[in-house]
């Protein structure tokens, strides 16, 4: 019984030691690695790109609505490719 108890204590101490070493290692990596670059919020190129994406999404939405109308009209007439 005492042998089993000493094995449990040894295993627990080893596990706690490994956890402590892991935390120290992670903190060391965090200190050595350079910080993330600061966020730039006033980049004119980025703003222009976002505006272009917004316009493109508006055109895409109009295309999808047109396609939906065509498909629904053809289904209503009964000559659409999706008739089942």
PDB file of N, CA and C in Angstrom:
ATOM      1  N   UNK A   1       0.823  -1.188   0.000  1.00  0.00           N
ATOM      2  CA  UNK A   1       0.000   0.000   0.000  1.00  0.00           C
ATOM      3  C   UNK A   1       0.865   1.248   0.000  1.00  0.00           C
ATOM      4  N   UNK A   2       1.938   1.235   0.771  1.00  0.00           N
ATOM      5  CA  UNK A   2       2.832   2.389   0.847  1.00  0.00           C
ATOM      6  C   UNK A   2       3.541   2.607  -0.479  1.00  0.00           C
ATOM      7  N   UNK A   3       3.831   1.522  -1.181  1.00  0.00           N
ATOM      8  CA  UNK A   3       4.489   1.636  -2.486  1.00  0.00           C
ATOM      9  C   UNK A   3       3.586   2.333  -3.492  1.00  0.00           C
ATOM     10  N   UNK A   4       2.299   1.977  -3.464  1.00  0.00           N
ATOM     11  CA  UNK A   4       1.331   2.601  -4.371  1.00  0.00           C
ATOM     12  C   UNK A   4       1.170   4.081  -4.060  1.00  0.00           C
ATOM     13  N   UNK A   5       1.164   4.415  -2.792  1.00  0.00           N
ATOM     14  CA  UNK A   5       1.018   5.810  -2.372  1.00  0.00           C
ATOM     15  C   UNK A   5       2.239   6.630  -2.789  1.00  0.00           C
ATOM     16  N   UNK A   6       3.423   6.051  -2.656  1.00  0.00           N
ATOM     17  CA  UNK A   6       4.627   6.780  -3.063  1.00  0.00           C
ATOM     18  C   UNK A   6       4.656   6.964  -4.582  1.00  0.00           C
ATOM     19  N   UNK A   7       4.147   6.009  -5.337  1.00  0.00           N
ATOM     20  CA  UNK A   7       4.073   6.145  -6.798  1.00  0.00           C
ATOM     21  C   UNK A   7       3.116   7.275  -7.161  1.00  0.00           C
ATOM     22  N   UNK A   8       1.982   7.358  -6.463  1.00  0.00           N
ATOM     23  CA  UNK A   8       1.022   8.434  -6.735  1.00  0.00           C
ATOM     24  C   UNK A   8       1.612   9.806  -6.428  1.00  0.00           C
ATOM     25  N   UNK A   9       2.331   9.914  -5.314  1.00  0.00           N
ATOM     26  CA  UNK A   9       2.961  11.188  -4.937  1.00  0.00           C
ATOM     27  C   UNK A   9       4.017  11.571  -5.970  1.00  0.00           C
ATOM     28  N   UNK A  10       4.809  10.614  -6.397  1.00  0.00           N
ATOM     29  CA  UNK A  10       5.851  10.878  -7.393  1.00  0.00           C
ATOM     30  C   UNK A  10       5.231  11.303  -8.724  1.00  0.00           C
ATOM     31  N   UNK A  11       4.185  10.621  -9.138  1.00  0.00           N
ATOM     32  CA  UNK A  11       3.521  10.969 -10.397  1.00  0.00           C
ATOM     33  C   UNK A  11       2.884  12.354 -10.311  1.00  0.00           C
ATOM     34  N   UNK A  12       2.275  12.667  -9.186  1.00  0.00           N
ATOM     35  CA  UNK A  12       1.670  13.990  -9.008  1.00  0.00           C
ATOM     36  C   UNK A  12       2.723  15.084  -9.020  1.00  0.00           C
ATOM     37  N   UNK A  13       3.839  14.852  -8.340  1.00  0.00           N
ATOM     38  CA  UNK A  13       4.917  15.849  -8.322  1.00  0.00           C
ATOM     39  C   UNK A  13       5.494  16.037  -9.721  1.00  0.00           C
ATOM     40  N   UNK A  14       5.631  14.954 -10.462  1.00  0.00           N
ATOM     41  CA  UNK A  14       6.129  15.047 -11.840  1.00  0.00           C
ATOM     42  C   UNK A  14       5.171  15.838 -12.709  1.00  0.00           C
ATOM     43  N   UNK A  15       3.887  15.583 -12.570  1.00  0.00           N
ATOM     44  CA  UNK A  15       2.878  16.290 -13.356  1.00  0.00           C
ATOM     45  C   UNK A  15       2.880  17.779 -13.033  1.00  0.00           C
ATOM     46  N   UNK A  16       2.944  18.124 -11.782  1.00  0.00           N
ATOM     47  CA  UNK A  16       2.979  19.534 -11.375  1.00  0.00           C
ATOM     48  C   UNK A  16       4.254  20.197 -11.899  1.00  0.00           C
ATOM     49  N   UNK A  17       5.369  19.491 -11.837  1.00  0.00           N
ATOM     50  CA  UNK A  17       6.626  20.022 -12.368  1.00  0.00           C
ATOM     51  C   UNK A  17       6.548  20.289 -13.857  1.00  0.00           C
ATOM     52  N   UNK A  18       5.943  19.363 -14.614  1.00  0.00           N
ATOM     53  CA  UNK A  18       5.799  19.552 -16.056  1.00  0.00           C
ATOM     54  C   UNK A  18       4.891  20.746 -16.376  1.00  0.00           C
ATOM     55  N   UNK A  19       3.851  20.916 -15.583  1.00  0.00           N
ATOM     56  CA  UNK A  19       2.950  22.062 -15.796  1.00  0.00           C
ATOM     57  C   UNK A  19       3.695  23.365 -15.542  1.00  0.00           C
ATOM     58  N   UNK A  20       4.468  23.416 -14.485  1.00  0.00           N
ATOM     59  CA  UNK A  20       5.237  24.625 -14.170  1.00  0.00           C
ATOM     60  C   UNK A  20       6.247  24.916 -15.279  1.00  0.00           C
ATOM     61  N   UNK A  21       6.952  23.888 -15.754  1.00  0.00           N
ATOM     62  CA  UNK A  21       7.907  24.090 -16.840  1.00  0.00           C
ATOM     63  C   UNK A  21       7.215  24.559 -18.122  1.00  0.00           C
ATOM     64  N   UNK A  22       6.039  24.041 -18.399  1.00  0.00           N
ATOM     65  CA  UNK A  22       5.290  24.470 -19.583  1.00  0.00           C
ATOM     66  C   UNK A  22       4.895  25.932 -19.502  1.00  0.00           C
ATOM     67  N   UNK A  23       4.444  26.356 -18.323  1.00  0.00           N
ATOM     68  CA  UNK A  23       4.068  27.759 -18.139  1.00  0.00           C
ATOM     69  C   UNK A  23       5.284  28.657 -18.309  1.00  0.00           C
ATOM     70  N   UNK A  24       6.407  28.263 -17.742  1.00  0.00           N
ATOM     71  CA  UNK A  24       7.633  29.050 -17.885  1.00  0.00           C
ATOM     72  C   UNK A  24       8.047  29.121 -19.356  1.00  0.00           C
ATOM     73  N   UNK A  25       7.957  28.019 -20.062  1.00  0.00           N
ATOM     74  CA  UNK A  25       8.303  27.990 -21.474  1.00  0.00           C
ATOM     75  C   UNK A  25       7.394  28.911 -22.284  1.00  0.00           C
ATOM     76  N   UNK A  26       6.099  28.853 -22.030  1.00  0.00           N
ATOM     77  CA  UNK A  26       5.163  29.718 -22.751  1.00  0.00           C
ATOM     78  C   UNK A  26       5.417  31.193 -22.466  1.00  0.00           C
ATOM     79  N   UNK A  27       5.702  31.523 -21.215  1.00  0.00           N
ATOM     80  CA  UNK A  27       6.020  32.910 -20.883  1.00  0.00           C
ATOM     81  C   UNK A  27       7.305  33.359 -21.565  1.00  0.00           C
ATOM     82  N   UNK A  28       8.284  32.485 -21.641  1.00  0.00           N
ATOM     83  CA  UNK A  28       9.532  32.821 -22.327  1.00  0.00           C
ATOM     84  C   UNK A  28       9.323  33.074 -23.805  1.00  0.00           C
ATOM     85  N   UNK A  29       8.532  32.231 -24.440  1.00  0.00           N
ATOM     86  CA  UNK A  29       8.239  32.423 -25.861  1.00  0.00           C
ATOM     87  C   UNK A  29       7.481  33.726 -26.061  1.00  0.00           C
ATOM     88  N   UNK A  30       6.579  34.024 -25.178  1.00  0.00           N
ATOM     89  CA  UNK A  30       5.785  35.259 -25.277  1.00  0.00           C
ATOM     90  C   UNK A  30       6.665  36.497 -25.140  1.00  0.00           C
ATOM     91  N   UNK A  31       7.674  36.442 -24.275  1.00  0.00           N
ATOM     92  CA  UNK A  31       8.564  37.579 -24.080  1.00  0.00           C
ATOM     93  C   UNK A  31       9.543  37.747 -25.242  1.00  0.00           C
ATOM     94  N   UNK A  32       9.992  36.641 -25.822  1.00  0.00           N
ATOM     95  CA  UNK A  32      10.980  36.700 -26.896  1.00  0.00           C
ATOM     96  C   UNK A  32      10.339  37.082 -28.222  1.00  0.00           C
ATOM     97  N   UNK A  33       9.152  36.577 -28.476  1.00  0.00           N
ATOM     98  CA  UNK A  33       8.488  36.837 -29.757  1.00  0.00           C
ATOM     99  C   UNK A  33       8.051  38.295 -29.822  1.00  0.00           C
ATOM    100  N   UNK A  34       8.231  38.951 -30.979  1.00  0.00           N
ATOM    101  CA  UNK A  34       7.818  40.352 -31.077  1.00  0.00           C
ATOM    102  C   UNK A  34       6.302  40.492 -30.999  1.00  0.00           C
ATOM    103  N   UNK A  35       5.890  41.644 -30.546  1.00  0.00           N
ATOM    104  CA  UNK A  35       4.460  41.910 -30.385  1.00  0.00           C
ATOM    105  C   UNK A  35       3.793  42.024 -31.749  1.00  0.00           C
ATOM    106  N   UNK A  36       2.489  41.824 -31.752  1.00  0.00           N
ATOM    107  CA  UNK A  36       1.719  41.943 -32.991  1.00  0.00           C
ATOM    108  C   UNK A  36       1.735  43.397 -33.457  1.00  0.00           C
ATOM    109  N   UNK A  37       1.736  43.610 -34.771  1.00  0.00           N
ATOM    110  CA  UNK A  37       1.743  44.991 -35.275  1.00  0.00           C
ATOM    111  C   UNK A  37       0.466  45.718 -34.873  1.00  0.00           C
ATOM    112  N   UNK A  38       0.604  47.006 -34.688  1.00  0.00           N
ATOM    113  CA  UNK A  38      -0.557  47.800 -34.282  1.00  0.00           C
ATOM    114  C   UNK A  38      -1.568  47.878 -35.416  1.00  0.00           C
ATOM    115  N   UNK A  39      -2.817  48.029 -35.046  1.00  0.00           N
ATOM    116  CA  UNK A  39      -3.897  48.085 -36.022  1.00  0.00           C
ATOM    117  C   UNK A  39      -3.939  49.482 -36.628  1.00  0.00           C
ATOM    118  N   UNK A  40      -3.949  49.526 -37.956  1.00  0.00           N
ATOM    119  CA  UNK A  40      -4.050  50.809 -38.640  1.00  0.00           C
ATOM    120  C   UNK A  40      -5.496  51.003 -39.063  1.00  0.00           C
ATOM    121  N   UNK A  41      -6.085  52.079 -38.651  1.00  0.00           N
ATOM    122  CA  UNK A  41      -7.479  52.306 -38.976  1.00  0.00           C
ATOM    123  C   UNK A  41      -7.689  53.363 -40.037  1.00  0.00           C
ATOM    124  N   UNK A  42      -6.639  54.113 -40.393  1.00  0.00           N
ATOM    125  CA  UNK A  42      -6.808  55.223 -41.315  1.00  0.00           C
ATOM    126  C   UNK A  42      -6.048  55.008 -42.613  1.00  0.00           C
ATOM    127  N   UNK A  43      -5.996  53.803 -43.088  1.00  0.00           N
ATOM    128  CA  UNK A  43      -5.296  53.494 -44.327  1.00  0.00           C
ATOM    129  C   UNK A  43      -6.222  53.779 -45.513  1.00  0.00           C
ATOM    130  N   UNK A  44      -5.903  54.751 -46.375  1.00  0.00           N
ATOM    131  CA  UNK A  44      -6.807  55.087 -47.487  1.00  0.00           C
ATOM    132  C   UNK A  44      -6.954  53.952 -48.497  1.00  0.00           C
ATOM    133  N   UNK A  45      -5.905  53.170 -48.707  1.00  0.00           N
ATOM    134  CA  UNK A  45      -6.004  52.043 -49.637  1.00  0.00           C
ATOM    135  C   UNK A  45      -6.980  50.993 -49.109  1.00  0.00           C
ATOM    136  N   UNK A  46      -6.929  50.774 -47.814  1.00  0.00           N
ATOM    137  CA  UNK A  46      -7.842  49.803 -47.199  1.00  0.00           C
ATOM    138  C   UNK A  46      -9.283  50.278 -47.304  1.00  0.00           C
ATOM    139  N   UNK A  47      -9.506  51.563 -47.080  1.00  0.00           N
ATOM    140  CA  UNK A  47     -10.857  52.114 -47.185  1.00  0.00           C
ATOM    141  C   UNK A  47     -11.373  52.000 -48.618  1.00  0.00           C
ATOM    142  N   UNK A  48     -10.504  52.265 -49.590  1.00  0.00           N
ATOM    143  CA  UNK A  48     -10.903  52.160 -50.994  1.00  0.00           C
ATOM    144  C   UNK A  48     -11.238  50.712 -51.344  1.00  0.00           C
ATOM    145  N   UNK A  49     -10.437  49.783 -50.855  1.00  0.00           N
ATOM    146  CA  UNK A  49     -10.694  48.368 -51.115  1.00  0.00           C
ATOM    147  C   UNK A  49     -12.026  47.937 -50.507  1.00  0.00           C
ATOM    148  N   UNK A  50     -12.307  48.386 -49.294  1.00  0.00           N
ATOM    149  CA  UNK A  50     -13.582  48.030 -48.659  1.00  0.00           C
ATOM    150  C   UNK A  50     -14.764  48.617 -49.422  1.00  0.00           C
ATOM    151  N   UNK A  51     -14.615  49.854 -49.929  1.00  0.00           N
ATOM    152  CA  UNK A  51     -15.694  50.455 -50.712  1.00  0.00           C
ATOM    153  C   UNK A  51     -15.923  49.684 -52.000  1.00  0.00           C
ATOM    154  N   UNK A  52     -14.839  49.243 -52.647  1.00  0.00           N
ATOM    155  CA  UNK A  52     -14.971  48.460 -53.873  1.00  0.00           C
ATOM    156  C   UNK A  52     -15.658  47.122 -53.597  1.00  0.00           C
ATOM    157  N   UNK A  53     -15.303  46.487 -52.499  1.00  0.00           N
ATOM    158  CA  UNK A  53     -15.950  45.223 -52.128  1.00  0.00           C
ATOM    159  C   UNK A  53     -17.436  45.454 -51.870  1.00  0.00           C
ATOM    160  N   UNK A  54     -17.768  46.558 -51.213  1.00  0.00           N
ATOM    161  CA  UNK A  54     -19.169  46.865 -50.934  1.00  0.00           C
ATOM    162  C   UNK A  54     -19.953  47.061 -52.232  1.00  0.00           C
ATOM    163  N   UNK A  55     -19.374  47.784 -53.182  1.00  0.00           N
ATOM    164  CA  UNK A  55     -20.047  47.985 -54.476  1.00  0.00           C
ATOM    165  C   UNK A  55     -20.215  46.662 -55.208  1.00  0.00           C
ATOM    166  N   UNK A  56     -19.173  45.817 -55.175  1.00  0.00           N
ATOM    167  CA  UNK A  56     -19.248  44.518 -55.847  1.00  0.00           C
ATOM    168  C   UNK A  56     -20.333  43.643 -55.235  1.00  0.00           C
ATOM    169  N   UNK A  57     -20.454  43.693 -53.918  1.00  0.00           N
ATOM    170  CA  UNK A  57     -21.494  42.896 -53.261  1.00  0.00           C
ATOM    171  C   UNK A  57     -22.886  43.397 -53.640  1.00  0.00           C
ATOM    172  N   UNK A  58     -23.036  44.706 -53.810  1.00  0.00           N
ATOM    173  CA  UNK A  58     -24.325  45.252 -54.254  1.00  0.00           C
ATOM    174  C   UNK A  58     -24.681  44.755 -55.643  1.00  0.00           C
ATOM    175  N   UNK A  59     -23.694  44.738 -56.545  1.00  0.00           N
ATOM    176  CA  UNK A  59     -23.951  44.227 -57.903  1.00  0.00           C
ATOM    177  C   UNK A  59     -24.258  42.734 -57.867  1.00  0.00           C
ATOM    178  N   UNK A  60     -23.557  42.002 -57.022  1.00  0.00           N
ATOM    179  CA  UNK A  60     -23.813  40.563 -56.903  1.00  0.00           C
ATOM    180  C   UNK A  60     -25.219  40.300 -56.385  1.00  0.00           C
ATOM    181  N   UNK A  61     -25.659  41.096 -55.430  1.00  0.00           N
ATOM    182  CA  UNK A  61     -27.013  40.943 -54.904  1.00  0.00           C
ATOM    183  C   UNK A  61     -28.053  41.179 -55.989  1.00  0.00           C
ATOM    184  N   UNK A  62     -27.827  42.181 -56.831  1.00  0.00           N
ATOM    185  CA  UNK A  62     -28.765  42.449 -57.930  1.00  0.00           C
ATOM    186  C   UNK A  62     -28.794  41.285 -58.907  1.00  0.00           C
ATOM    187  N   UNK A  63     -27.644  40.703 -59.195  1.00  0.00           N
ATOM    188  CA  UNK A  63     -27.593  39.546 -60.110  1.00  0.00           C
ATOM    189  C   UNK A  63     -28.349  38.355 -59.534  1.00  0.00           C
ATOM    190  N   UNK A  64     -28.165  38.107 -58.253  1.00  0.00           N
ATOM    191  CA  UNK A  64     -28.846  36.977 -57.617  1.00  0.00           C
ATOM    192  C   UNK A  64     -30.358  37.181 -57.655  1.00  0.00           C
ATOM    193  N   UNK A  65     -30.806  38.399 -57.390  1.00  0.00           N
ATOM    194  CA  UNK A  65     -32.241  38.677 -57.439  1.00  0.00           C
ATOM    195  C   UNK A  65     -32.791  38.470 -58.842  1.00  0.00           C
ATOM    196  N   UNK A  66     -32.028  38.863 -59.865  1.00  0.00           N
ATOM    197  CA  UNK A  66     -32.456  38.655 -61.245  1.00  0.00           C
ATOM    198  C   UNK A  66     -32.564  37.170 -61.551  1.00  0.00           C
ATOM    199  N   UNK A  67     -31.551  36.410 -61.124  1.00  0.00           N
ATOM    200  CA  UNK A  67     -31.587  34.960 -61.365  1.00  0.00           C
ATOM    201  C   UNK A  67     -32.749  34.301 -60.628  1.00  0.00           C
ATOM    202  N   UNK A  68     -33.012  34.733 -59.403  1.00  0.00           N
ATOM    203  CA  UNK A  68     -34.146  34.175 -58.664  1.00  0.00           C
ATOM    204  C   UNK A  68     -35.450  34.460 -59.388  1.00  0.00           C
ATOM    205  N   UNK A  69     -35.579  35.661 -59.901  1.00  0.00           N
ATOM    206  CA  UNK A  69     -36.806  36.006 -60.623  1.00  0.00           C
ATOM    207  C   UNK A  69     -36.955  35.143 -61.868  1.00  0.00           C
ATOM    208  N   UNK A  70     -35.869  34.937 -62.609  1.00  0.00           N
ATOM    209  CA  UNK A  70     -35.936  34.103 -63.812  1.00  0.00           C
ATOM    210  C   UNK A  70     -36.318  32.667 -63.479  1.00  0.00           C
ATOM    211  N   UNK A  71     -35.708  32.116 -62.434  1.00  0.00           N
ATOM    212  CA  UNK A  71     -35.991  30.726 -62.065  1.00  0.00           C
ATOM    213  C   UNK A  71     -37.428  30.593 -61.583  1.00  0.00           C
ATOM    214  N   UNK A  72     -37.886  31.515 -60.756  1.00  0.00           N
ATOM    215  CA  UNK A  72     -39.253  31.433 -60.244  1.00  0.00           C
ATOM    216  C   UNK A  72     -40.277  31.623 -61.357  1.00  0.00           C
ATOM    217  N   UNK A  73     -40.001  32.505 -62.324  1.00  0.00           N
ATOM    218  CA  UNK A  73     -40.914  32.691 -63.455  1.00  0.00           C
ATOM    219  C   UNK A  73     -40.987  31.441 -64.307  1.00  0.00           C
ATOM    220  N   UNK A  74     -39.829  30.815 -64.557  1.00  0.00           N
ATOM    221  CA  UNK A  74     -39.833  29.611 -65.383  1.00  0.00           C
ATOM    222  C   UNK A  74     -40.514  28.449 -64.652  1.00  0.00           C
ATOM    223  N   UNK A  75     -40.393  28.392 -63.343  1.00  0.00           N
ATOM    224  CA  UNK A  75     -41.096  27.351 -62.574  1.00  0.00           C
ATOM    225  C   UNK A  75     -42.588  27.577 -62.622  1.00  0.00           C
ATOM    226  N   UNK A  76     -42.988  28.831 -62.532  1.00  0.00           N
ATOM    227  CA  UNK A  76     -44.415  29.125 -62.553  1.00  0.00           C
ATOM    228  C   UNK A  76     -45.024  28.748 -63.892  1.00  0.00           C
ATOM    229  N   UNK A  77     -44.264  28.918 -64.974  1.00  0.00           N
ATOM    230  CA  UNK A  77     -44.750  28.561 -66.307  1.00  0.00           C
ATOM    231  C   UNK A  77     -44.695  27.056 -66.544  1.00  0.00           C
ATOM    232  N   UNK A  78     -43.852  26.366 -65.786  1.00  0.00           N
ATOM    233  CA  UNK A  78     -43.765  24.918 -65.918  1.00  0.00           C
ATOM    234  C   UNK A  78     -42.743  24.464 -66.938  1.00  0.00           C
ATOM    235  N   UNK A  79     -41.890  25.347 -67.422  1.00  0.00           N
ATOM    236  CA  UNK A  79     -40.883  24.943 -68.409  1.00  0.00           C
ATOM    237  C   UNK A  79     -39.456  25.140 -67.901  1.00  0.00           C
ATOM    238  N   UNK A  80     -39.280  25.203 -66.591  1.00  0.00           N
ATOM    239  CA  UNK A  80     -37.960  25.413 -66.024  1.00  0.00           C
ATOM    240  C   UNK A  80     -37.161  24.115 -65.917  1.00  0.00           C
ATOM    241  N   UNK A  81     -35.858  24.217 -65.859  1.00  0.00           N
ATOM    242  CA  UNK A  81     -35.007  23.023 -65.760  1.00  0.00           C
ATOM    243  C   UNK A  81     -35.093  22.348 -64.391  1.00  0.00           C
ATOM    244  N   UNK A  82     -35.655  23.038 -63.409  1.00  0.00           N
ATOM    245  CA  UNK A  82     -35.711  22.494 -62.058  1.00  0.00           C
ATOM    246  C   UNK A  82     -37.058  21.879 -61.729  1.00  0.00           C
ATOM    247  N   UNK A  83     -37.897  21.692 -62.720  1.00  0.00           N
ATOM    248  CA  UNK A  83     -39.225  21.123 -62.448  1.00  0.00           C
ATOM    249  C   UNK A  83     -39.081  19.672 -62.015  1.00  0.00           C
ATOM    250  N   UNK A  84     -39.835  19.323 -61.001  1.00  0.00           N
ATOM    251  CA  UNK A  84     -39.780  17.940 -60.524  1.00  0.00           C
ATOM    252  C   UNK A  84     -41.178  17.388 -60.433  1.00  0.00           C
TER     253      UNK A  84
END
